[in-house]
Amino acid sequence: MLYLDIKRRIILYHFLLVLLLVGGIGYHQYKYQLQSHINSVIQYHLASSSSIVSKFSQAISGANYANIQMPGFITELKRNKKLYAMRVVGFSGNTKQPFKVLYKQLAGEIWREEYPENYLSDIQSKIDKLQELLLKKNSDHVKIVFLIERNQEKFQRYQKNQLLSENNRKLIDSFKKLKATFIDFKTKKLFISIPTDNKNGGRVQISFDISEIENIKLQILENILYESILALTLSLIILTILSMQITSPINKLSAFISQNHKEHNLSDVPCIKRKDEIGNLAKMLYSLLEQSKNYENQLEKLSRKDPLTGLGNRRELESVFVNIQQTEKMLTAIFYIDIDNFKKYNDCYGHNMGDLALQKVASSIEGSLQRKGDCAFRLGGEEFVVLISVFDIEQMENIGERIRHNIQNLEIEHKLNPPQNVVTISIGAYFKKLNSEKKTIKFLVEMLNSADQNLYLAKKRGRNCIITSQLKND
């Protein structure tokens, strides 16, 4: 996982905050400017559609399809290049017949969307009657032929309009769903619905091509992006300067803490003379360092002692072993001591009495060591270790026997440790000539393991005795 120091985190977190703020402001600015442009486009097209609405309002009132299909009006509609399509619905002023027409810029004409149910049959009936009149001798053949052609044109226009309506069914359906002004960004079309001002009312529904909205969007985004980059760059510069002012003194304090402080005075602490929070931090750090050194010294002493017995612990044993000093004629001996049946003692007399027994045994072991340099240790539970220097095996056995005898003479009652019925110990002893290469923790463990094996033999032999042997030569 990537690690970031405080300086970079300050810059990163604040930069992310600025990024969110700039992004939020930019987003709202984009929405506001885009909506402003959309409103302007809508108002423009509403204003430009007023003459169209007026023209269709008159046509609806008289159910006059001819006027709106005049070439002049069609040409006027074609001039509006943004006009994509249009649908007009209403009811005539007198007959209240439905009035529905459609216009599409690509088609270039206006056509009726719906016809009366009997419209086609009425035309056919008129044509048939006119053809009958044409057979009569006294009829006006020129007029009748003209009327027949007119009705045939209506028939053809009907078929054409029906085909146009069928081909533009999706467009008609979209207009039918139109309830209010909206923009379809997918098709880039503006749909507006304007009420007519004729007697029975109606609506002119118009669709405008506003594909330029994409260019407007890009332009708005470019402007906002430029402003955002400028704001973020300035923010990054300011954040870098501020973070350096904060982290630089902290780094100095950190470097000071990582050094050896034994010879340092209060005046050596960086930023100690500052009057701000960092100065207070420097003073507090120095105070904590002084306290930690005192505690460290105390803990170092405590960490080497067994709290119950006051003897050295395993850590103290290792330290003494690797630093042991002795002449070439002397041997190093280890006693691995275990109180016999001590678990039964705790079960019988309780753990409080067990702790007292441990303290008495520890005191007796330590008191049995009469020479400077001989040390006793408690490894845990009822297990003790004695580290001594001797000239021969006889001296070692004498010391071990003295320890065993002194503890038995304490006469600490132990009914479950027959046949003595007092607290006794078993000892496993090993000795070896040490040189500088063998004074290691690894070799200590080997000697302890060997002594522990002899302790096992002492237990097996019946307890309350000492078993001794010497390590084989390497």
Protein backbone atom coordinates (compact mmCIF):
# COMPACT_ATOMS: atom_id res chain seq x y z
CA MET A 1 0.00 0.00 0.00
CA LEU A 2 1.34 3.43 -0.95
CA TYR A 3 2.45 5.43 2.08
CA LEU A 4 2.02 9.19 2.11
CA ASP A 5 3.72 11.46 4.62
CA ILE A 6 1.85 14.23 6.42
CA LYS A 7 2.89 16.87 3.92
CA ARG A 8 1.55 14.92 0.96
CA ARG A 9 -1.58 13.93 2.87
CA ILE A 10 -2.31 17.56 3.75
CA ILE A 11 -1.90 18.51 0.11
CA LEU A 12 -3.90 15.50 -1.14
CA TYR A 13 -6.83 15.81 1.28
CA HIS A 14 -7.19 19.56 0.84
CA PHE A 15 -6.72 19.23 -2.90
CA LEU A 16 -9.51 16.64 -2.99
CA LEU A 17 -11.69 19.03 -0.99
CA VAL A 18 -10.93 21.87 -3.41
CA LEU A 19 -11.55 19.48 -6.30
CA LEU A 20 -14.98 18.61 -4.90
CA LEU A 21 -15.80 22.29 -4.38
CA VAL A 22 -14.59 23.27 -7.84
CA GLY A 23 -16.40 20.29 -9.36
CA GLY A 24 -19.62 21.14 -7.54
CA ILE A 25 -19.44 24.80 -8.47
CA GLY A 26 -18.52 23.90 -12.06
CA TYR A 27 -21.43 21.47 -12.30
CA HIS A 28 -23.94 24.05 -11.04
CA GLN A 29 -22.41 26.68 -13.30
CA TYR A 30 -22.73 24.33 -16.26
CA LYS A 31 -26.38 23.56 -15.44
CA TYR A 32 -27.18 27.25 -14.93
CA GLN A 33 -25.53 28.45 -18.16
CA LEU A 34 -27.02 25.60 -20.18
CA GLN A 35 -30.48 26.28 -18.76
CA SER A 36 -30.08 30.00 -19.49
CA HIS A 37 -29.25 29.21 -23.09
CA ILE A 38 -32.16 26.78 -23.34
CA ASN A 39 -34.54 29.41 -21.96
CA SER A 40 -33.24 31.90 -24.53
CA VAL A 41 -33.74 29.37 -27.33
CA ILE A 42 -37.27 28.62 -26.14
CA GLN A 43 -38.20 32.30 -25.91
CA TYR A 44 -36.74 32.95 -29.35
CA HIS A 45 -38.71 30.14 -30.98
CA LEU A 46 -41.89 31.07 -29.13
CA ALA A 47 -41.58 34.61 -30.44
CA SER A 48 -40.78 33.45 -33.98
CA SER A 49 -43.83 31.18 -33.95
CA SER A 50 -46.40 33.90 -33.24
CA SER A 51 -47.22 34.51 -36.93
CA ILE A 52 -47.56 30.77 -37.54
CA VAL A 53 -49.97 30.45 -34.61
CA SER A 54 -52.03 33.37 -35.91
CA LYS A 55 -52.25 31.88 -39.39
CA PHE A 56 -53.35 28.49 -38.09
CA SER A 57 -55.84 30.04 -35.66
CA GLN A 58 -57.68 31.60 -38.62
CA ALA A 59 -57.53 28.36 -40.58
CA ILE A 60 -58.95 26.38 -37.66
CA SER A 61 -61.85 28.81 -37.19
CA GLY A 62 -63.01 28.31 -40.78
CA ALA A 63 -61.79 24.77 -41.19
CA ASN A 64 -59.89 26.23 -44.12
CA TYR A 65 -57.20 23.81 -45.27
CA ALA A 66 -56.61 25.61 -48.54
CA ASN A 67 -55.06 28.77 -47.05
CA ILE A 68 -52.42 26.92 -45.07
CA GLN A 69 -51.52 24.81 -48.08
CA MET A 70 -50.81 27.82 -50.27
CA PRO A 71 -47.28 27.89 -51.74
CA GLY A 72 -46.59 31.27 -50.12
CA PHE A 73 -47.26 29.99 -46.63
CA ILE A 74 -45.28 26.80 -47.28
CA THR A 75 -42.36 28.94 -48.48
CA GLU A 76 -42.60 31.00 -45.30
CA LEU A 77 -42.32 27.85 -43.21
CA LYS A 78 -39.38 26.57 -45.24
CA ARG A 79 -37.44 29.77 -44.54
CA ASN A 80 -37.31 28.77 -40.88
CA LYS A 81 -34.44 26.27 -41.19
CA LYS A 82 -34.76 25.30 -37.53
CA LEU A 83 -38.38 24.25 -37.92
CA TYR A 84 -38.32 20.46 -38.03
CA ALA A 85 -42.00 19.50 -37.85
CA MET A 86 -45.36 20.80 -36.71
CA ARG A 87 -48.78 19.47 -35.74
CA VAL A 88 -51.89 21.62 -35.39
CA VAL A 89 -55.10 20.44 -33.70
CA GLY A 90 -58.36 22.24 -32.96
CA PHE A 91 -62.06 22.53 -33.77
CA SER A 92 -63.69 24.74 -36.39
CA GLY A 93 -65.68 27.75 -35.25
CA ASN A 94 -69.14 26.75 -36.56
CA THR A 95 -69.22 23.04 -37.28
CA LYS A 96 -66.83 22.17 -34.48
CA GLN A 97 -65.29 19.59 -36.76
CA PRO A 98 -61.83 18.39 -35.74
CA PHE A 99 -58.99 20.14 -37.51
CA LYS A 100 -55.66 18.27 -37.62
CA VAL A 101 -52.75 18.95 -39.92
CA LEU A 102 -49.07 18.08 -40.01
CA TYR A 103 -46.01 19.72 -41.47
CA LYS A 104 -42.52 18.31 -41.89
CA GLN A 105 -39.63 20.32 -43.21
CA LEU A 106 -38.16 17.39 -45.14
CA ALA A 107 -41.52 16.67 -46.81
CA GLY A 108 -41.93 20.35 -47.66
CA GLU A 109 -45.72 20.38 -47.36
CA ILE A 110 -48.68 20.48 -45.00
CA TRP A 111 -51.13 17.59 -44.99
CA ARG A 112 -54.26 16.63 -43.16
CA GLU A 113 -53.77 14.07 -40.42
CA GLU A 114 -57.41 12.91 -40.27
CA TYR A 115 -60.45 12.94 -42.54
CA PRO A 116 -64.17 12.42 -41.83
CA GLU A 117 -65.18 8.77 -41.79
CA ASN A 118 -67.20 9.02 -45.07
CA TYR A 119 -64.82 11.41 -46.78
CA LEU A 120 -63.58 8.96 -49.42
CA SER A 121 -67.05 7.57 -50.22
CA ASP A 122 -68.45 11.08 -50.58
CA ILE A 123 -65.77 11.96 -53.13
CA GLN A 124 -66.45 8.79 -55.09
CA SER A 125 -70.18 9.49 -54.99
CA LYS A 126 -69.62 13.03 -56.35
CA ILE A 127 -67.41 11.71 -59.16
CA ASP A 128 -70.05 9.14 -60.12
CA LYS A 129 -72.81 11.78 -60.23
CA LEU A 130 -70.67 14.15 -62.25
CA GLN A 131 -69.86 11.40 -64.73
CA GLU A 132 -73.63 10.71 -65.12
CA LEU A 133 -74.24 14.42 -65.80
CA LEU A 134 -71.47 14.37 -68.33
CA LEU A 135 -73.50 11.92 -70.44
CA LYS A 136 -76.45 14.30 -70.73
CA LYS A 137 -76.63 16.45 -73.86
CA ASN A 138 -77.46 19.79 -72.28
CA SER A 139 -74.83 19.66 -69.47
CA ASP A 140 -71.87 22.01 -69.19
CA HIS A 141 -69.14 19.58 -70.12
CA VAL A 142 -66.25 21.94 -69.34
CA LYS A 143 -67.48 22.66 -65.81
CA ILE A 144 -68.32 19.02 -65.12
CA VAL A 145 -64.89 17.85 -66.27
CA PHE A 146 -63.29 20.50 -64.07
CA LEU A 147 -65.30 19.33 -61.08
CA ILE A 148 -64.45 15.70 -61.79
CA GLU A 149 -60.74 16.58 -61.92
CA ARG A 150 -61.03 18.53 -58.67
CA ASN A 151 -62.55 15.56 -56.86
CA GLN A 152 -60.01 13.22 -58.37
CA GLU A 153 -57.28 15.53 -57.02
CA LYS A 154 -58.93 15.36 -53.59
CA PHE A 155 -58.92 11.57 -53.87
CA GLN A 156 -55.24 11.52 -54.78
CA ARG A 157 -54.40 14.04 -52.03
CA TYR A 158 -56.24 11.86 -49.53
CA GLN A 159 -54.18 8.83 -50.50
CA LYS A 160 -50.98 10.85 -50.39
CA ASN A 161 -51.82 12.34 -46.98
CA GLN A 162 -52.68 8.94 -45.58
CA LEU A 163 -49.33 7.63 -46.77
CA LEU A 164 -47.52 10.62 -45.25
CA SER A 165 -49.30 10.07 -41.93
CA GLU A 166 -48.44 6.40 -41.96
CA ASN A 167 -44.75 7.10 -42.70
CA ASN A 168 -44.58 9.67 -39.90
CA ARG A 169 -46.50 7.70 -37.28
CA LYS A 170 -43.69 8.00 -34.69
CA LEU A 171 -43.62 11.76 -35.16
CA ILE A 172 -47.40 11.96 -34.70
CA ASP A 173 -47.22 9.82 -31.57
CA SER A 174 -44.51 12.04 -30.10
CA PHE A 175 -46.68 15.10 -30.69
CA LYS A 176 -49.68 13.38 -29.12
CA LYS A 177 -47.66 12.82 -25.95
CA LEU A 178 -46.56 16.44 -25.86
CA LYS A 179 -48.10 18.21 -22.88
CA ALA A 180 -45.67 21.08 -22.34
CA THR A 181 -42.45 22.53 -23.67
CA PHE A 182 -39.43 20.24 -23.32
CA ILE A 183 -36.13 19.33 -24.98
CA ASP A 184 -35.21 15.85 -26.17
CA PHE A 185 -31.42 15.92 -25.84
CA LYS A 186 -31.13 12.53 -27.48
CA THR A 187 -32.62 13.74 -30.77
CA LYS A 188 -31.60 17.38 -30.15
CA LYS A 189 -35.17 18.59 -30.71
CA LEU A 190 -37.12 21.32 -28.94
CA PHE A 191 -40.85 20.66 -28.57
CA ILE A 192 -43.17 23.56 -27.78
CA SER A 193 -46.93 23.64 -27.48
CA ILE A 194 -48.71 26.97 -28.07
CA PRO A 195 -52.47 27.53 -27.65
CA THR A 196 -54.31 29.04 -30.61
CA ASP A 197 -56.51 32.12 -30.30
CA ASN A 198 -59.55 30.90 -32.22
CA LYS A 199 -63.04 30.48 -30.75
CA ASN A 200 -62.97 26.77 -29.85
CA GLY A 201 -59.30 26.68 -29.01
CA GLY A 202 -56.57 24.40 -30.22
CA ARG A 203 -52.82 23.95 -30.05
CA VAL A 204 -49.91 24.39 -32.37
CA GLN A 205 -47.24 21.83 -31.53
CA ILE A 206 -43.86 22.59 -33.06
CA SER A 207 -40.55 20.71 -33.08
CA PHE A 208 -37.38 22.72 -33.70
CA ASP A 209 -33.93 21.40 -34.54
CA ILE A 210 -31.53 22.65 -31.84
CA SER A 211 -28.47 20.59 -32.75
CA GLU A 212 -26.35 23.65 -31.97
CA ILE A 213 -26.95 22.81 -28.30
CA GLU A 214 -24.03 20.37 -28.50
CA ASN A 215 -21.65 23.15 -29.52
CA ILE A 216 -23.03 25.30 -26.72
CA LYS A 217 -22.47 22.46 -24.25
CA LEU A 218 -18.87 22.02 -25.41
CA GLN A 219 -18.21 25.73 -25.21
CA ILE A 220 -19.62 25.94 -21.68
CA LEU A 221 -17.62 22.89 -20.63
CA GLU A 222 -14.41 24.31 -22.12
CA ASN A 223 -14.85 27.57 -20.23
CA ILE A 224 -15.62 25.80 -16.96
CA LEU A 225 -12.70 23.39 -17.47
CA TYR A 226 -10.30 26.26 -18.07
CA GLU A 227 -11.52 28.08 -14.95
CA SER A 228 -11.36 24.85 -12.91
CA ILE A 229 -7.79 24.07 -13.99
CA LEU A 230 -6.72 27.61 -13.10
CA ALA A 231 -8.42 27.37 -9.68
CA LEU A 232 -6.93 23.94 -8.96
CA THR A 233 -3.43 25.06 -9.99
CA LEU A 234 -3.56 28.08 -7.70
CA SER A 235 -4.98 25.93 -4.88
CA LEU A 236 -2.20 23.37 -5.31
CA ILE A 237 0.46 26.08 -5.08
CA ILE A 238 -1.11 27.59 -1.97
CA LEU A 239 -1.61 24.17 -0.34
CA THR A 240 2.03 23.23 -1.00
CA ILE A 241 3.27 26.41 0.66
CA LEU A 242 0.95 26.00 3.66
CA SER A 243 1.81 22.32 4.10
CA MET A 244 5.52 23.10 4.08
CA GLN A 245 5.03 25.69 6.80
CA ILE A 246 3.28 23.06 8.89
CA THR A 247 5.39 19.99 8.17
CA SER A 248 8.86 21.55 8.07
CA PRO A 249 9.06 22.18 11.86
CA ILE A 250 7.43 18.79 12.50
CA ASN A 251 10.12 17.11 10.40
CA LYS A 252 12.78 18.89 12.44
CA LEU A 253 11.19 17.63 15.64
CA SER A 254 11.00 14.14 14.17
CA ALA A 255 14.69 14.21 13.26
CA PHE A 256 15.54 15.35 16.77
CA ILE A 257 13.52 12.57 18.37
CA SER A 258 15.24 9.92 16.25
CA GLN A 259 18.66 10.98 17.58
CA ASN A 260 20.38 10.08 20.84
CA HIS A 261 19.06 12.52 23.42
CA LYS A 262 21.27 11.71 26.39
CA GLU A 263 23.50 14.71 25.84
CA HIS A 264 20.81 17.10 24.61
CA ASN A 265 19.68 20.15 26.53
CA LEU A 266 16.33 21.88 26.34
CA SER A 267 17.82 24.52 24.06
CA ASP A 268 18.71 21.82 21.51
CA VAL A 269 15.07 20.99 20.75
CA PRO A 270 13.99 22.51 17.40
CA CYS A 271 11.16 25.05 17.48
CA ILE A 272 11.33 25.19 21.30
CA LYS A 273 11.22 28.99 21.23
CA ARG A 274 8.15 29.22 19.04
CA LYS A 275 5.06 30.69 20.69
CA ASP A 276 2.51 28.73 18.68
CA GLU A 277 1.14 25.20 18.92
CA ILE A 278 4.29 23.73 17.36
CA GLY A 279 6.40 25.39 20.07
CA ASN A 280 4.13 23.86 22.73
CA LEU A 281 4.48 20.52 20.98
CA ALA A 282 8.29 20.82 21.08
CA LYS A 283 8.23 21.50 24.85
CA MET A 284 5.86 18.59 25.44
CA LEU A 285 8.02 16.27 23.34
CA TYR A 286 11.11 17.12 25.32
CA SER A 287 9.28 16.54 28.59
CA LEU A 288 7.98 13.19 27.34
CA LEU A 289 11.47 12.17 26.20
CA GLU A 290 12.89 12.94 29.62
CA GLN A 291 10.16 10.94 31.30
CA SER A 292 10.56 8.07 28.86
CA LYS A 293 14.29 7.84 29.62
CA ASN A 294 13.56 7.62 33.33
CA TYR A 295 10.87 5.02 32.78
CA GLU A 296 13.14 3.10 30.44
CA ASN A 297 15.81 2.83 33.11
CA GLN A 298 13.27 1.66 35.65
CA LEU A 299 11.69 -0.81 33.27
CA GLU A 300 15.09 -2.16 32.30
CA LYS A 301 15.70 -3.04 35.93
CA LEU A 302 12.20 -4.44 36.43
CA SER A 303 12.27 -6.42 33.20
CA ARG A 304 15.20 -8.48 34.50
CA LYS A 305 13.60 -9.42 37.84
CA ASP A 306 10.92 -11.91 38.75
CA PRO A 307 8.27 -9.85 40.59
CA LEU A 308 7.30 -12.63 43.03
CA THR A 309 10.70 -13.87 44.21
CA GLY A 310 13.01 -11.00 43.34
CA LEU A 311 15.34 -13.37 41.50
CA GLY A 312 16.56 -12.68 37.99
CA ASN A 313 14.35 -13.90 35.13
CA ARG A 314 15.17 -15.58 31.82
CA ARG A 315 16.30 -12.30 30.30
CA GLU A 316 18.70 -11.69 33.21
CA LEU A 317 19.99 -15.27 32.89
CA GLU A 318 20.84 -14.75 29.21
CA SER A 319 22.58 -11.46 29.95
CA VAL A 320 24.67 -12.97 32.78
CA PHE A 321 25.56 -16.04 30.71
CA VAL A 322 26.93 -14.16 27.69
CA ASN A 323 28.90 -11.80 29.94
CA ILE A 324 30.23 -14.38 32.42
CA GLN A 325 33.86 -13.91 33.41
CA GLN A 326 35.98 -16.81 34.60
CA THR A 327 39.55 -18.13 34.56
CA GLU A 328 40.74 -20.81 32.17
CA LYS A 329 40.69 -23.42 34.95
CA MET A 330 37.06 -22.84 35.89
CA LEU A 331 33.96 -24.62 34.55
CA THR A 332 30.47 -23.24 34.08
CA ALA A 333 27.72 -25.22 35.74
CA ILE A 334 23.95 -24.98 35.45
CA PHE A 335 21.42 -26.34 37.96
CA TYR A 336 17.89 -26.85 36.64
CA ILE A 337 15.72 -26.95 39.78
CA ASP A 338 12.09 -27.98 40.09
CA ILE A 339 9.96 -28.13 43.28
CA ASP A 340 8.65 -31.67 43.71
CA ASN A 341 4.88 -32.16 43.33
CA PHE A 342 4.28 -28.43 43.42
CA LYS A 343 0.97 -28.66 41.54
CA LYS A 344 -0.33 -30.90 44.33
CA TYR A 345 0.92 -28.33 46.83
CA ASN A 346 -1.16 -25.59 45.17
CA ASP A 347 -4.17 -27.88 44.98
CA CYS A 348 -3.85 -28.76 48.66
CA TYR A 349 -2.82 -25.47 50.26
CA GLY A 350 -3.96 -22.88 47.67
CA HIS A 351 -2.09 -20.55 45.40
CA ASN A 352 -1.43 -17.94 48.07
CA MET A 353 0.44 -20.50 50.15
CA GLY A 354 2.08 -21.66 46.93
CA ASP A 355 3.42 -18.15 46.31
CA LEU A 356 4.80 -17.99 49.86
CA ALA A 357 6.48 -21.35 49.35
CA LEU A 358 8.05 -20.10 46.11
CA GLN A 359 9.39 -17.04 47.88
CA LYS A 360 10.91 -19.16 50.68
CA VAL A 361 12.48 -21.60 48.20
CA ALA A 362 13.89 -18.72 46.14
CA SER A 363 15.34 -17.08 49.24
CA SER A 364 16.87 -20.38 50.31
CA ILE A 365 18.43 -21.01 46.89
CA GLU A 366 19.92 -17.52 46.80
CA GLY A 367 21.14 -17.87 50.39
CA SER A 368 22.86 -21.14 49.54
CA LEU A 369 25.12 -19.37 47.02
CA GLN A 370 28.03 -18.06 49.04
CA ARG A 371 30.32 -16.74 46.32
CA LYS A 372 30.16 -13.56 44.30
CA GLY A 373 29.21 -14.28 40.71
CA ASP A 374 26.94 -17.25 41.52
CA CYS A 375 23.39 -16.34 40.52
CA ALA A 376 19.90 -17.77 40.92
CA PHE A 377 17.01 -17.24 38.50
CA ARG A 378 13.35 -18.14 38.28
CA LEU A 379 12.25 -19.29 34.82
CA GLY A 380 8.57 -19.47 35.72
CA GLY A 381 6.19 -21.54 37.80
CA GLU A 382 8.17 -23.77 40.16
CA GLU A 383 11.30 -23.90 37.96
CA PHE A 384 14.57 -22.26 38.98
CA VAL A 385 18.05 -22.09 37.44
CA VAL A 386 21.38 -21.57 39.17
CA LEU A 387 24.44 -20.46 37.21
CA ILE A 388 27.79 -20.95 38.95
CA SER A 389 31.51 -21.29 38.21
CA VAL A 390 33.36 -24.27 39.73
CA PHE A 391 36.76 -25.95 39.54
CA ASP A 392 35.47 -29.51 39.36
CA ILE A 393 32.42 -31.73 39.49
CA GLU A 394 32.83 -32.40 43.19
CA GLN A 395 32.52 -28.70 44.02
CA MET A 396 29.46 -28.45 41.82
CA GLU A 397 27.77 -31.41 43.46
CA ASN A 398 28.53 -30.04 46.92
CA ILE A 399 26.84 -26.74 46.06
CA GLY A 400 23.86 -28.54 44.54
CA GLU A 401 23.51 -30.79 47.53
CA ARG A 402 23.70 -27.77 49.86
CA ILE A 403 20.84 -26.12 47.99
CA ARG A 404 18.73 -29.28 48.13
CA HIS A 405 19.47 -29.83 51.83
CA ASN A 406 18.73 -26.24 52.83
CA ILE A 407 15.32 -26.31 51.14
CA GLN A 408 14.37 -29.58 52.76
CA ASN A 409 15.42 -28.13 56.13
CA LEU A 410 12.92 -25.30 55.66
CA GLU A 411 10.38 -27.97 56.62
CA ILE A 412 7.57 -26.40 54.64
CA GLU A 413 4.70 -28.81 55.15
CA HIS A 414 3.71 -30.75 52.02
CA LYS A 415 1.52 -33.76 52.89
CA LEU A 416 1.28 -34.81 49.23
CA ASN A 417 5.06 -35.14 48.79
CA PRO A 418 5.93 -38.45 50.50
CA PRO A 419 7.99 -39.73 52.12
CA GLN A 420 9.42 -36.45 53.46
CA ASN A 421 6.02 -34.71 53.62
CA VAL A 422 7.80 -31.35 53.28
CA VAL A 423 8.74 -29.25 50.27
CA THR A 424 11.73 -30.71 48.42
CA ILE A 425 13.45 -30.09 45.11
CA SER A 426 14.97 -32.12 42.31
CA ILE A 427 18.07 -30.86 40.47
CA GLY A 428 19.45 -31.58 37.03
CA ALA A 429 23.05 -30.36 36.76
CA TYR A 430 25.41 -29.90 33.80
CA PHE A 431 28.80 -28.26 33.52
CA LYS A 432 31.12 -27.30 30.67
CA LYS A 433 34.29 -25.42 29.97
CA LEU A 434 33.29 -22.21 28.17
CA ASN A 435 35.23 -20.07 25.76
CA SER A 436 34.18 -16.83 24.10
CA GLU A 437 32.64 -18.65 21.13
CA LYS A 438 30.34 -20.69 23.36
CA LYS A 439 28.99 -17.82 25.43
CA THR A 440 25.92 -17.48 23.23
CA ILE A 441 22.19 -17.79 23.81
CA LYS A 442 22.13 -20.85 21.59
CA PHE A 443 24.71 -22.64 23.72
CA LEU A 444 22.86 -21.60 26.87
CA VAL A 445 19.73 -23.27 25.51
CA GLU A 446 21.72 -26.44 24.83
CA MET A 447 23.02 -26.50 28.40
CA LEU A 448 19.53 -25.85 29.79
CA ASN A 449 18.12 -28.68 27.69
CA SER A 450 20.81 -31.02 28.96
CA ALA A 451 20.19 -29.96 32.55
CA ASP A 452 16.47 -30.42 32.00
CA GLN A 453 17.09 -34.00 30.83
CA ASN A 454 19.01 -34.71 34.03
CA LEU A 455 16.15 -33.12 35.98
CA TYR A 456 13.83 -35.58 34.33
CA LEU A 457 16.12 -38.43 35.46
CA ALA A 458 16.11 -37.02 39.00
CA LYS A 459 12.31 -37.00 39.01
CA LYS A 460 12.26 -40.51 37.67
CA ARG A 461 14.71 -41.69 40.35
CA GLY A 462 12.32 -40.59 43.07
CA ARG A 463 12.81 -36.80 43.43
CA ASN A 464 14.67 -34.89 46.14
CA CYS A 465 18.02 -35.63 44.53
CA ILE A 466 20.60 -34.27 42.09
CA ILE A 467 21.73 -35.82 38.79
CA THR A 468 24.95 -34.51 37.26
CA SER A 469 26.70 -34.96 33.93
CA GLN A 470 29.11 -33.15 31.65
CA LEU A 471 28.48 -32.01 28.09
CA LYS A 472 30.40 -33.89 25.44
CA ASN A 473 33.22 -32.08 23.68
CA ASP A 474 32.38 -30.43 20.38
